[in-house]
Structures are given as structure tokens and as C-alpha cells.
Amino acid sequence: MMSFAKDNYKFQYPKSWRLDTLTKWGPELFVFSPLEGESDKFSENVNVSIQNLGGQNIDLTQYKQITDKQVEDLATDGEIFESSIVKTSKGEFFRITYAMTQGKFRLKITTVCLISDDRAYLATFSSELDKYDNYKKIGEQILSSFSLIK
């Protein structure tokens, strides 16, 4: 596994995956899986985003409520499988897994969210729905390695 750290967060990802920190779409970075062959048109990935919550006084419970509503109202064919606040010895975080249609792809997405200093730190694993179980183990390893640097 490779390690990556920036500003306030860190995580690990497989050596075979490609790190892209020059994103143009909003997230801080992406880590892409290798394509499985010429017919594979979607690279499973994890992205990291940071949202400024300054002055909004949003906690994990409120963030969960907002996110659940966004998936239900805005995601094309959105279907929530799991949405919970998880408490561990390291603290607590919000976790959601859902499916949605994006263009020609039916995706299954798992996001973990940590809130600190008026910012939401999100790590999101995205996979084609029918390949999710094949990538779930590595996706979960990446998400579970995501943590804030104090």
C-alpha cells in the first residue's frame, strides 16, 4: 500500500492504483483502479473532498440528514442501502452507501465523512454496481485508512 498525506488528512491506497491530484471537477484528488481491459469503461475510484461548513454549525447528525435528502431528491434513481453515524475508539463519523445512475453507469457509492474545525472531510469509493463486490474489500481498506491529522 502507498500512503498519502495532505494538510489535515491521510489515507492508504494500492500501489497498482493511480493517484491524480490535478483534478478539475472539485474533489481534492482521485485514486483510480486499473482498467480491467479494453471493454472496461469505468475505473473504480476513491476521491477526497473537503467542504467548508464555516458558520453553519453542522454536526454529523445534521450532515447525515442533509446527505440522505440529497440522495433521495437529487441522485438519479438514488437508492440508499446504509446511512449511519458510526462510533469507534478513534471517534465518530458518518457513513452512507447508495446506488445511483450517472450517465450510462449504474454506480454503488460509499462515503465516509469526518467533521473537524468547520470542515467536512469526505472519502468516497465509487464502483460500477455489478462490480462493487469485487472491489469492496480494497475500497473498504482505503476508506478505513482515511483519517484526520491532528
C-alpha atoms as a PDB file:
ATOM      1  CA  MET A   1       0.000   0.000   0.000  1.00  0.00           C
ATOM      2  CA  MET A   2       1.039   3.560  -0.719  1.00  0.00           C
ATOM      3  CA  SER A   3       0.492   6.349   1.798  1.00  0.00           C
ATOM      4  CA  PHE A   4      -0.731   9.841   1.012  1.00  0.00           C
ATOM      5  CA  ALA A   5      -0.984  12.787   3.402  1.00  0.00           C
ATOM      6  CA  LYS A   6      -2.017  16.363   2.749  1.00  0.00           C
ATOM      7  CA  ASP A   7      -2.808  19.231   5.086  1.00  0.00           C
ATOM      8  CA  ASN A   8      -5.299  17.687   7.532  1.00  0.00           C
ATOM      9  CA  TYR A   9      -5.892  14.146   6.242  1.00  0.00           C
ATOM     10  CA  LYS A  10      -4.174  10.931   5.219  1.00  0.00           C
ATOM     11  CA  PHE A  11      -5.029   7.546   3.712  1.00  0.00           C
ATOM     12  CA  GLN A  12      -3.501   4.492   2.039  1.00  0.00           C
ATOM     13  CA  TYR A  13      -4.175   3.022  -1.392  1.00  0.00           C
ATOM     14  CA  PRO A  14      -2.877   0.099  -3.505  1.00  0.00           C
ATOM     15  CA  LYS A  15       0.345   0.571  -5.471  1.00  0.00           C
ATOM     16  CA  SER A  16      -1.466  -0.522  -8.644  1.00  0.00           C
ATOM     17  CA  TRP A  17      -3.954   2.369  -8.353  1.00  0.00           C
ATOM     18  CA  ARG A  18      -3.166   5.774  -9.912  1.00  0.00           C
ATOM     19  CA  LEU A  19      -3.173   8.951  -7.807  1.00  0.00           C
ATOM     20  CA  ASP A  20      -4.454  12.103  -9.558  1.00  0.00           C
ATOM     21  CA  THR A  21      -4.083  15.344  -7.604  1.00  0.00           C
ATOM     22  CA  LEU A  22      -4.679  17.582 -10.631  1.00  0.00           C
ATOM     23  CA  THR A  23      -8.450  17.154 -10.656  1.00  0.00           C
ATOM     24  CA  LYS A  24     -10.616  19.683 -12.432  1.00  0.00           C
ATOM     25  CA  TRP A  25     -14.004  18.548 -11.057  1.00  0.00           C
ATOM     26  CA  GLY A  26     -13.991  19.705  -7.450  1.00  0.00           C
ATOM     27  CA  PRO A  27     -12.527  16.883  -5.345  1.00  0.00           C
ATOM     28  CA  GLU A  28      -9.053  17.343  -3.906  1.00  0.00           C
ATOM     29  CA  LEU A  29      -7.857  14.134  -5.531  1.00  0.00           C
ATOM     30  CA  PHE A  30      -8.798  10.820  -7.063  1.00  0.00           C
ATOM     31  CA  VAL A  31      -7.185   7.393  -6.804  1.00  0.00           C
ATOM     32  CA  PHE A  32      -8.150   5.212  -9.794  1.00  0.00           C
ATOM     33  CA  SER A  33      -8.084   1.436 -10.136  1.00  0.00           C
ATOM     34  CA  PRO A  34      -6.500  -0.009 -13.269  1.00  0.00           C
ATOM     35  CA  LEU A  35      -8.993  -0.737 -16.052  1.00  0.00           C
ATOM     36  CA  GLU A  36      -9.775  -4.448 -16.383  1.00  0.00           C
ATOM     37  CA  GLY A  37      -9.356  -4.438 -20.173  1.00  0.00           C
ATOM     38  CA  GLU A  38     -10.373  -2.638 -23.361  1.00  0.00           C
ATOM     39  CA  SER A  39     -14.083  -3.164 -22.690  1.00  0.00           C
ATOM     40  CA  ASP A  40     -13.851  -1.639 -19.184  1.00  0.00           C
ATOM     41  CA  LYS A  41     -15.080   1.956 -19.454  1.00  0.00           C
ATOM     42  CA  PHE A  42     -15.211   2.855 -15.740  1.00  0.00           C
ATOM     43  CA  SER A  43     -12.247   2.984 -13.402  1.00  0.00           C
ATOM     44  CA  GLU A  44     -13.307   2.280  -9.824  1.00  0.00           C
ATOM     45  CA  ASN A  45     -12.012   5.081  -7.639  1.00  0.00           C
ATOM     46  CA  VAL A  46     -11.804   6.868  -4.344  1.00  0.00           C
ATOM     47  CA  ASN A  47     -11.950  10.636  -4.187  1.00  0.00           C
ATOM     48  CA  VAL A  48     -11.391  13.025  -1.315  1.00  0.00           C
ATOM     49  CA  SER A  49     -13.388  16.249  -0.941  1.00  0.00           C
ATOM     50  CA  ILE A  50     -13.370  18.952   1.702  1.00  0.00           C
ATOM     51  CA  GLN A  51     -16.439  21.096   2.311  1.00  0.00           C
ATOM     52  CA  ASN A  52     -16.237  24.356   4.226  1.00  0.00           C
ATOM     53  CA  LEU A  53     -19.063  24.382   6.771  1.00  0.00           C
ATOM     54  CA  GLY A  54     -17.941  27.678   8.321  1.00  0.00           C
ATOM     55  CA  GLY A  55     -20.612  29.393  10.390  1.00  0.00           C
ATOM     56  CA  GLN A  56     -23.269  26.745   9.708  1.00  0.00           C
ATOM     57  CA  ASN A  57     -22.754  24.813  12.959  1.00  0.00           C
ATOM     58  CA  ILE A  58     -23.421  21.449  11.237  1.00  0.00           C
ATOM     59  CA  ASP A  59     -22.729  18.274  13.187  1.00  0.00           C
ATOM     60  CA  LEU A  60     -22.673  14.666  11.932  1.00  0.00           C
ATOM     61  CA  THR A  61     -26.396  14.154  12.615  1.00  0.00           C
ATOM     62  CA  GLN A  62     -27.346  17.208  10.560  1.00  0.00           C
ATOM     63  CA  TYR A  63     -24.853  16.258   7.832  1.00  0.00           C
ATOM     64  CA  LYS A  64     -26.446  12.795   7.642  1.00  0.00           C
ATOM     65  CA  GLN A  65     -29.947  14.299   7.311  1.00  0.00           C
ATOM     66  CA  ILE A  66     -28.836  16.696   4.558  1.00  0.00           C
ATOM     67  CA  THR A  67     -26.993  13.965   2.639  1.00  0.00           C
ATOM     68  CA  ASP A  68     -29.875  11.467   2.877  1.00  0.00           C
ATOM     69  CA  LYS A  69     -32.246  14.090   1.481  1.00  0.00           C
ATOM     70  CA  GLN A  70     -29.822  14.987  -1.344  1.00  0.00           C
ATOM     71  CA  VAL A  71     -29.522  11.334  -2.416  1.00  0.00           C
ATOM     72  CA  GLU A  72     -33.313  10.904  -2.305  1.00  0.00           C
ATOM     73  CA  ASP A  73     -34.079  14.183  -4.123  1.00  0.00           C
ATOM     74  CA  LEU A  74     -31.145  14.731  -6.482  1.00  0.00           C
ATOM     75  CA  ALA A  75     -29.470  11.408  -7.341  1.00  0.00           C
ATOM     76  CA  THR A  76     -30.871   9.816 -10.491  1.00  0.00           C
ATOM     77  CA  ASP A  77     -32.530   6.554  -9.410  1.00  0.00           C
ATOM     78  CA  GLY A  78     -30.982   7.030  -5.956  1.00  0.00           C
ATOM     79  CA  GLU A  79     -31.307   4.109  -3.535  1.00  0.00           C
ATOM     80  CA  ILE A  80     -29.805   4.255  -0.019  1.00  0.00           C
ATOM     81  CA  PHE A  81     -28.524   0.929   1.379  1.00  0.00           C
ATOM     82  CA  GLU A  82     -26.938   2.248   4.581  1.00  0.00           C
ATOM     83  CA  SER A  83     -26.758   5.609   6.320  1.00  0.00           C
ATOM     84  CA  SER A  84     -25.455   5.802   9.858  1.00  0.00           C
ATOM     85  CA  ILE A  85     -23.228   7.554  12.321  1.00  0.00           C
ATOM     86  CA  VAL A  86     -20.508   5.132  13.392  1.00  0.00           C
ATOM     87  CA  LYS A  87     -18.749   5.428  16.738  1.00  0.00           C
ATOM     88  CA  THR A  88     -15.300   3.897  17.153  1.00  0.00           C
ATOM     89  CA  SER A  89     -12.449   4.195  19.641  1.00  0.00           C
ATOM     90  CA  LYS A  90     -10.953   6.834  17.301  1.00  0.00           C
ATOM     91  CA  GLY A  91     -14.096   8.967  17.295  1.00  0.00           C
ATOM     92  CA  GLU A  92     -17.220   9.059  15.159  1.00  0.00           C
ATOM     93  CA  PHE A  93     -18.027   9.520  11.502  1.00  0.00           C
ATOM     94  CA  PHE A  94     -20.959   9.451   9.107  1.00  0.00           C
ATOM     95  CA  ARG A  95     -21.139   6.633   6.542  1.00  0.00           C
ATOM     96  CA  ILE A  96     -23.524   6.223   3.622  1.00  0.00           C
ATOM     97  CA  THR A  97     -23.759   3.605   0.864  1.00  0.00           C
ATOM     98  CA  TYR A  98     -26.123   4.191  -2.030  1.00  0.00           C
ATOM     99  CA  ALA A  99     -26.678   3.456  -5.704  1.00  0.00           C
ATOM    100  CA  MET A 100     -27.364   5.975  -8.451  1.00  0.00           C
ATOM    101  CA  THR A 101     -27.239   6.296 -12.197  1.00  0.00           C
ATOM    102  CA  GLN A 102     -24.597   8.597 -13.652  1.00  0.00           C
ATOM    103  CA  GLY A 103     -24.669   8.815 -17.418  1.00  0.00           C
ATOM    104  CA  LYS A 104     -24.616   5.251 -18.722  1.00  0.00           C
ATOM    105  CA  PHE A 105     -23.231   3.820 -15.480  1.00  0.00           C
ATOM    106  CA  ARG A 106     -25.160   2.370 -12.532  1.00  0.00           C
ATOM    107  CA  LEU A 107     -22.863   3.089  -9.585  1.00  0.00           C
ATOM    108  CA  LYS A 108     -22.655   1.989  -5.981  1.00  0.00           C
ATOM    109  CA  ILE A 109     -21.010   4.568  -3.771  1.00  0.00           C
ATOM    110  CA  THR A 110     -19.787   4.525  -0.178  1.00  0.00           C
ATOM    111  CA  THR A 111     -18.770   7.749   1.534  1.00  0.00           C
ATOM    112  CA  VAL A 112     -17.284   8.343   4.956  1.00  0.00           C
ATOM    113  CA  CYS A 113     -17.437  11.839   6.426  1.00  0.00           C
ATOM    114  CA  LEU A 114     -15.416  13.275   9.306  1.00  0.00           C
ATOM    115  CA  ILE A 115     -16.168  16.759  10.617  1.00  0.00           C
ATOM    116  CA  SER A 116     -13.480  18.893  12.231  1.00  0.00           C
ATOM    117  CA  ASP A 117     -12.889  22.647  12.552  1.00  0.00           C
ATOM    118  CA  ASP A 118     -15.974  23.635  10.495  1.00  0.00           C
ATOM    119  CA  ARG A 119     -14.983  21.346   7.624  1.00  0.00           C
ATOM    120  CA  ALA A 120     -16.421  18.083   6.324  1.00  0.00           C
ATOM    121  CA  TYR A 121     -13.740  15.678   5.089  1.00  0.00           C
ATOM    122  CA  LEU A 122     -15.194  13.095   2.703  1.00  0.00           C
ATOM    123  CA  ALA A 123     -13.639   9.975   1.221  1.00  0.00           C
ATOM    124  CA  THR A 124     -15.874   8.409  -1.443  1.00  0.00           C
ATOM    125  CA  PHE A 125     -15.472   5.000  -3.057  1.00  0.00           C
ATOM    126  CA  SER A 126     -17.310   4.596  -6.392  1.00  0.00           C
ATOM    127  CA  SER A 127     -17.753   1.392  -8.354  1.00  0.00           C
ATOM    128  CA  GLU A 128     -19.976   0.045 -11.068  1.00  0.00           C
ATOM    129  CA  LEU A 129     -22.857  -1.622  -9.230  1.00  0.00           C
ATOM    130  CA  ASP A 130     -22.219  -5.063 -10.721  1.00  0.00           C
ATOM    131  CA  LYS A 131     -18.501  -4.903  -9.835  1.00  0.00           C
ATOM    132  CA  TYR A 132     -18.905  -3.458  -6.324  1.00  0.00           C
ATOM    133  CA  ASP A 133     -18.449  -6.778  -4.521  1.00  0.00           C
ATOM    134  CA  ASN A 134     -15.200  -7.417  -6.461  1.00  0.00           C
ATOM    135  CA  TYR A 135     -13.764  -4.072  -5.283  1.00  0.00           C
ATOM    136  CA  LYS A 136     -15.462  -3.839  -1.887  1.00  0.00           C
ATOM    137  CA  LYS A 137     -12.528  -5.212   0.136  1.00  0.00           C
ATOM    138  CA  ILE A 138      -9.967  -2.779  -1.291  1.00  0.00           C
ATOM    139  CA  GLY A 139     -12.473   0.091  -1.245  1.00  0.00           C
ATOM    140  CA  GLU A 140     -13.160  -0.558   2.430  1.00  0.00           C
ATOM    141  CA  GLN A 141      -9.414  -0.736   3.186  1.00  0.00           C
ATOM    142  CA  ILE A 142      -8.890   2.687   1.600  1.00  0.00           C
ATOM    143  CA  LEU A 143     -11.904   4.218   3.384  1.00  0.00           C
ATOM    144  CA  SER A 144     -10.913   2.742   6.745  1.00  0.00           C
ATOM    145  CA  SER A 145      -7.381   4.158   6.379  1.00  0.00           C
ATOM    146  CA  PHE A 146      -8.791   7.677   5.820  1.00  0.00           C
ATOM    147  CA  SER A 147      -8.198   9.790   8.900  1.00  0.00           C
ATOM    148  CA  LEU A 148      -7.578  13.327  10.001  1.00  0.00           C
ATOM    149  CA  ILE A 149      -4.146  14.542  11.030  1.00  0.00           C
ATOM    150  CA  LYS A 150      -4.405  16.487  14.263  1.00  0.00           C
END
